[in-house]
Amino acid sequence: MKLKYLSVVLLCTVLMLNIIFTQYMVHQYFFAHFQNTLMAAIINVLLFPVAFFIYKYDKNQSKGVKSE
């Protein structure tokens, strides 16, 4: 089975961004900066479809490849 390293790296990057923005959101909420909190939450929500698109694209690309 051939791994798609680019998609793995992209998914890891999206996961890292989710962790960073979640931590930033909690930090801003603690200090009562609610506008920044909402912006970080919106970015977190928008990153999910990006990760889903990367996953679906990689899955569709690997359908045509037979495992050896």
Protein backbone atom coordinates (compact mmCIF):
# COMPACT_ATOMS: atom_id res chain seq x y z
CA MET A 1 0.00 0.00 0.00
CA LYS A 2 1.37 3.37 -1.03
CA LEU A 3 0.99 6.20 1.47
CA LYS A 4 0.18 9.70 0.36
CA TYR A 5 2.71 11.64 2.38
CA LEU A 6 1.53 15.04 1.22
CA SER A 7 -2.01 14.46 2.44
CA VAL A 8 -0.71 13.14 5.77
CA VAL A 9 1.44 16.24 6.21
CA LEU A 10 -1.49 18.50 5.28
CA LEU A 11 -3.83 16.74 7.72
CA CYS A 12 -1.22 16.99 10.47
CA THR A 13 -0.86 20.70 9.70
CA VAL A 14 -4.61 21.23 9.94
CA LEU A 15 -4.67 19.33 13.24
CA MET A 16 -1.84 21.48 14.59
CA LEU A 17 -3.68 24.64 13.53
CA ASN A 18 -6.81 23.37 15.31
CA ILE A 19 -4.82 22.83 18.49
CA ILE A 20 -3.21 26.27 18.25
CA PHE A 21 -6.47 28.11 17.62
CA THR A 22 -8.27 26.17 20.37
CA GLN A 23 -5.56 27.11 22.86
CA TYR A 24 -5.70 30.72 21.67
CA MET A 25 -9.49 30.72 22.03
CA VAL A 26 -9.32 29.43 25.62
CA HIS A 27 -6.63 31.98 26.47
CA GLN A 28 -8.63 34.87 25.02
CA TYR A 29 -11.81 33.71 26.77
CA PHE A 30 -9.98 33.60 30.09
CA PHE A 31 -8.95 37.25 29.68
CA ALA A 32 -12.44 38.26 28.46
CA HIS A 33 -11.47 39.18 24.91
CA PHE A 34 -14.66 37.81 23.41
CA GLN A 35 -14.19 39.18 19.89
CA ASN A 36 -10.88 37.32 19.57
CA THR A 37 -12.53 34.25 21.09
CA LEU A 38 -15.24 34.24 18.44
CA MET A 39 -12.73 34.74 15.63
CA ALA A 40 -10.63 31.78 16.82
CA ALA A 41 -13.78 29.65 17.11
CA ILE A 42 -14.84 30.55 13.56
CA ILE A 43 -11.38 29.66 12.25
CA ASN A 44 -11.60 26.32 14.07
CA VAL A 45 -14.97 25.61 12.48
CA LEU A 46 -13.68 26.56 9.03
CA LEU A 47 -10.66 24.27 9.34
CA PHE A 48 -12.86 21.17 9.63
CA PRO A 49 -14.15 21.28 6.02
CA VAL A 50 -10.58 21.83 4.83
CA ALA A 51 -9.45 18.64 6.58
CA PHE A 52 -12.50 16.77 5.30
CA PHE A 53 -11.78 17.91 1.73
CA ILE A 54 -8.14 16.78 2.00
CA TYR A 55 -9.25 13.39 3.33
CA LYS A 56 -11.91 12.87 0.64
CA TYR A 57 -9.53 13.98 -2.13
CA ASP A 58 -6.86 11.54 -0.96
CA LYS A 59 -9.40 8.74 -0.62
CA ASN A 60 -10.71 9.33 -4.16
CA GLN A 61 -7.17 9.44 -5.56
CA SER A 62 -6.24 6.15 -3.93
CA LYS A 63 -9.34 4.29 -5.19
CA GLY A 64 -7.76 3.78 -8.61
CA VAL A 65 -4.52 2.44 -7.14
CA LYS A 66 -4.41 -1.29 -6.36
CA SER A 67 -2.54 -2.38 -3.26
CA GLU A 68 0.41 -4.66 -3.90
